N, C-alpha and C. Protein backbone atom coordinates (compact mmCIF):
# COMPACT_ATOMS: atom_id res chain seq x y z
N MET A 1 29.58 104.08 -20.12
CA MET A 1 28.39 103.42 -20.24
C MET A 1 27.88 103.21 -18.86
N ASN A 2 26.64 103.60 -18.45
CA ASN A 2 25.92 103.31 -17.20
C ASN A 2 25.23 102.12 -17.10
N LYS A 3 25.57 101.14 -16.25
CA LYS A 3 24.97 99.77 -16.28
C LYS A 3 24.04 100.08 -14.99
N SER A 4 22.93 99.46 -14.94
CA SER A 4 22.05 99.21 -13.83
C SER A 4 22.60 98.09 -13.06
N PRO A 5 22.37 98.10 -11.68
CA PRO A 5 22.69 96.94 -10.86
C PRO A 5 22.18 95.74 -11.19
N ARG A 6 21.09 95.68 -11.81
CA ARG A 6 20.62 94.53 -12.45
C ARG A 6 20.34 94.66 -14.01
N SER A 7 20.87 93.71 -14.82
CA SER A 7 20.47 93.57 -16.08
C SER A 7 19.08 93.33 -16.62
N THR A 8 18.72 93.42 -17.72
CA THR A 8 17.29 93.05 -18.11
C THR A 8 17.15 91.65 -18.04
N ASN A 9 18.36 90.81 -18.19
CA ASN A 9 18.14 89.29 -18.17
C ASN A 9 17.94 89.02 -16.74
N GLU A 10 18.56 89.51 -15.73
CA GLU A 10 18.24 89.08 -14.36
C GLU A 10 16.91 89.35 -13.79
N GLU A 11 16.17 90.56 -14.24
CA GLU A 11 15.08 90.91 -14.20
C GLU A 11 14.02 89.93 -14.66
N GLY A 12 14.26 89.56 -15.84
CA GLY A 12 13.29 88.57 -16.52
C GLY A 12 13.45 87.28 -15.57
N ARG A 13 14.47 86.81 -15.16
CA ARG A 13 14.59 85.50 -14.54
C ARG A 13 13.95 85.71 -13.04
N ALA A 14 14.14 87.06 -12.34
CA ALA A 14 13.55 87.03 -11.18
C ALA A 14 11.97 87.04 -11.35
N GLY A 15 11.24 87.55 -12.22
CA GLY A 15 9.82 87.63 -12.56
C GLY A 15 9.56 86.19 -12.99
N LEU A 16 10.28 85.38 -13.71
CA LEU A 16 10.14 84.13 -14.00
C LEU A 16 9.90 83.22 -12.58
N ASN A 17 10.78 83.17 -11.86
CA ASN A 17 10.81 82.63 -10.51
C ASN A 17 9.73 83.08 -9.75
N ARG A 18 9.17 84.40 -9.39
CA ARG A 18 8.34 84.61 -8.81
C ARG A 18 6.94 84.16 -9.31
N ARG A 19 6.86 84.04 -10.69
CA ARG A 19 5.35 83.19 -11.15
C ARG A 19 5.64 81.87 -11.02
N THR A 20 6.77 81.26 -11.23
CA THR A 20 6.74 79.96 -10.85
C THR A 20 6.54 79.73 -9.42
N LEU A 21 6.88 80.36 -8.57
CA LEU A 21 6.37 80.39 -7.16
C LEU A 21 5.15 80.24 -6.88
N PHE A 22 4.61 81.29 -7.58
CA PHE A 22 2.98 81.51 -7.19
C PHE A 22 2.15 80.53 -7.92
N ALA A 23 2.63 79.94 -8.91
CA ALA A 23 1.89 78.83 -9.65
C ALA A 23 1.97 77.66 -8.86
N GLY A 24 3.14 77.29 -8.45
CA GLY A 24 3.17 76.23 -7.75
C GLY A 24 2.45 76.12 -6.39
N ALA A 25 2.46 77.39 -5.65
CA ALA A 25 1.68 77.68 -4.44
C ALA A 25 0.19 77.34 -4.75
N SER A 26 -0.17 77.97 -5.77
CA SER A 26 -1.64 77.68 -6.19
C SER A 26 -2.01 76.14 -6.70
N THR A 27 -1.28 75.44 -7.09
CA THR A 27 -1.47 74.24 -7.42
C THR A 27 -1.47 73.24 -6.16
N VAL A 28 -0.56 73.84 -5.04
CA VAL A 28 -0.56 73.09 -3.87
C VAL A 28 -1.91 73.21 -3.19
N GLY A 29 -2.31 74.42 -3.22
CA GLY A 29 -3.50 74.94 -2.51
C GLY A 29 -4.67 74.07 -3.13
N ALA A 30 -4.75 73.87 -4.53
CA ALA A 30 -5.93 73.36 -5.04
C ALA A 30 -6.04 71.71 -4.69
N LEU A 31 -4.68 71.19 -4.77
CA LEU A 31 -4.75 69.83 -4.41
C LEU A 31 -5.10 69.48 -3.03
N ALA A 32 -4.71 70.63 -2.05
CA ALA A 32 -5.24 70.38 -0.63
C ALA A 32 -6.55 70.61 -0.37
N ALA A 33 -7.17 71.61 -1.27
CA ALA A 33 -8.73 71.78 -1.30
C ALA A 33 -9.34 70.46 -1.70
N ALA A 34 -8.84 69.64 -2.87
CA ALA A 34 -9.52 68.57 -3.36
C ALA A 34 -9.40 67.44 -2.39
N ALA A 35 -8.18 67.48 -1.59
CA ALA A 35 -7.96 66.38 -0.89
C ALA A 35 -8.93 66.38 0.57
N THR A 36 -9.23 67.65 0.90
CA THR A 36 -10.16 67.72 2.00
C THR A 36 -11.67 67.41 1.63
N LEU A 37 -11.95 67.73 0.39
CA LEU A 37 -13.20 67.65 -0.14
C LEU A 37 -13.48 66.07 -0.16
N ILE A 38 -12.56 65.43 -0.87
CA ILE A 38 -12.64 63.83 -0.79
C ILE A 38 -11.89 62.96 -0.10
N PRO A 39 -12.25 63.14 1.44
CA PRO A 39 -11.17 62.16 2.19
C PRO A 39 -11.56 60.78 2.35
N GLY A 40 -12.83 60.45 1.85
CA GLY A 40 -13.29 58.88 2.05
C GLY A 40 -13.24 58.24 0.62
N ALA A 41 -12.46 58.88 -0.31
CA ALA A 41 -12.49 58.13 -1.87
C ALA A 41 -12.01 56.86 -1.71
N PRO A 42 -12.94 55.83 -2.27
CA PRO A 42 -12.37 54.46 -2.19
C PRO A 42 -11.17 54.14 -3.17
N ALA A 43 -10.51 53.35 -2.52
CA ALA A 43 -9.21 53.06 -3.45
C ALA A 43 -9.69 52.19 -4.74
N GLU A 44 -8.86 52.33 -5.62
CA GLU A 44 -9.24 51.65 -7.00
C GLU A 44 -8.99 50.35 -6.82
N ASP A 45 -10.00 49.43 -7.29
CA ASP A 45 -9.72 47.85 -7.34
C ASP A 45 -8.59 47.59 -8.12
N THR A 46 -7.71 47.00 -7.91
CA THR A 46 -6.71 46.51 -8.64
C THR A 46 -6.99 45.16 -9.46
N ALA A 47 -8.05 44.43 -8.92
CA ALA A 47 -8.37 43.04 -9.78
C ALA A 47 -9.34 43.86 -10.92
N ALA A 48 -8.99 43.22 -12.11
CA ALA A 48 -9.53 43.68 -13.21
C ALA A 48 -11.00 42.80 -13.46
N ALA A 49 -12.06 43.16 -13.71
CA ALA A 49 -13.25 42.57 -14.01
C ALA A 49 -12.97 41.49 -15.35
N GLU A 50 -13.71 40.37 -14.99
CA GLU A 50 -13.52 39.43 -16.20
C GLU A 50 -14.25 39.96 -17.30
N PRO A 51 -13.75 39.81 -18.46
CA PRO A 51 -14.42 40.39 -19.70
C PRO A 51 -15.57 39.54 -20.10
N ARG A 52 -16.57 40.06 -20.57
CA ARG A 52 -17.81 39.33 -21.05
C ARG A 52 -17.50 38.46 -22.23
N PRO A 53 -18.25 37.65 -22.46
CA PRO A 53 -17.97 36.81 -23.77
C PRO A 53 -18.56 37.65 -25.04
N ALA A 54 -18.15 37.64 -26.08
CA ALA A 54 -18.36 38.19 -27.28
C ALA A 54 -19.92 37.81 -27.67
N PRO A 55 -20.81 38.62 -28.07
CA PRO A 55 -22.18 38.23 -28.45
C PRO A 55 -22.14 37.42 -29.72
N ALA A 56 -23.08 36.61 -29.72
CA ALA A 56 -23.12 35.42 -31.04
C ALA A 56 -23.36 36.12 -32.19
N ARG A 57 -24.28 37.24 -32.22
CA ARG A 57 -24.86 37.76 -33.39
C ARG A 57 -24.01 39.17 -33.77
N GLY A 58 -23.08 39.64 -33.04
CA GLY A 58 -22.55 40.60 -33.07
C GLY A 58 -22.94 41.81 -32.26
N GLY A 59 -22.37 42.94 -32.38
CA GLY A 59 -23.06 43.95 -31.63
C GLY A 59 -22.31 44.06 -30.34
N GLY A 60 -22.58 45.07 -29.38
CA GLY A 60 -22.10 45.05 -28.08
C GLY A 60 -22.92 45.62 -27.07
N TYR A 61 -24.52 46.11 -27.37
CA TYR A 61 -25.16 46.57 -26.75
C TYR A 61 -25.64 45.96 -25.73
N THR A 62 -25.59 46.21 -24.53
CA THR A 62 -26.46 45.51 -23.33
C THR A 62 -26.97 46.28 -22.37
N LEU A 63 -28.27 46.03 -21.88
CA LEU A 63 -29.27 46.83 -21.34
C LEU A 63 -28.73 46.53 -19.80
N SER A 64 -27.61 47.53 -19.19
CA SER A 64 -27.28 47.24 -17.98
C SER A 64 -28.11 48.10 -16.90
N ASP A 65 -27.51 47.99 -15.86
CA ASP A 65 -28.33 48.92 -14.61
C ASP A 65 -28.00 50.39 -14.77
N HIS A 66 -27.04 50.69 -15.39
CA HIS A 66 -26.41 51.86 -15.65
C HIS A 66 -27.36 52.48 -16.61
N VAL A 67 -27.30 51.90 -17.80
CA VAL A 67 -28.25 52.39 -18.77
C VAL A 67 -29.63 52.57 -18.33
N LYS A 68 -30.35 51.60 -17.64
CA LYS A 68 -31.67 51.92 -17.30
C LYS A 68 -31.70 52.94 -16.43
N GLN A 69 -30.85 53.13 -15.35
CA GLN A 69 -30.89 54.59 -14.69
C GLN A 69 -31.08 55.79 -15.55
N TYR A 70 -30.10 55.72 -16.73
CA TYR A 70 -30.03 56.99 -17.59
C TYR A 70 -31.23 57.00 -18.14
N TYR A 71 -32.05 56.04 -18.59
CA TYR A 71 -33.25 55.95 -19.29
C TYR A 71 -34.42 56.58 -18.09
N GLN A 72 -34.19 56.24 -17.04
CA GLN A 72 -35.21 56.87 -16.00
C GLN A 72 -35.18 58.38 -16.06
N THR A 73 -33.80 58.84 -16.06
CA THR A 73 -33.52 60.29 -15.87
C THR A 73 -33.80 60.95 -16.97
N THR A 74 -34.20 60.45 -18.16
CA THR A 74 -34.38 61.13 -19.39
C THR A 74 -35.93 61.23 -19.56
N ARG A 75 -36.89 60.41 -18.83
CA ARG A 75 -38.22 60.49 -19.00
C ARG A 75 -38.67 61.77 -18.43
N ILE A 76 -39.81 62.35 -19.24
CA ILE A 76 -40.34 63.64 -18.84
C ILE A 76 -41.54 63.52 -17.97
């Protein structure tokens, strides 16, 4: 029986290792690119905001500044 120096199992592992290497390298490259694009990202505030009291008549909608800004962007 003639056996090649590498069996099919070894070739499969070599391909898998190569794929893993390239996948890891591309992930590291993407993270490095993202880090350079956002160098001054503010740190998250660890203190939680105080919860608002529950409305007396139910419901939870409040017209906040964020909602007002959204409404301004939807006007034609």
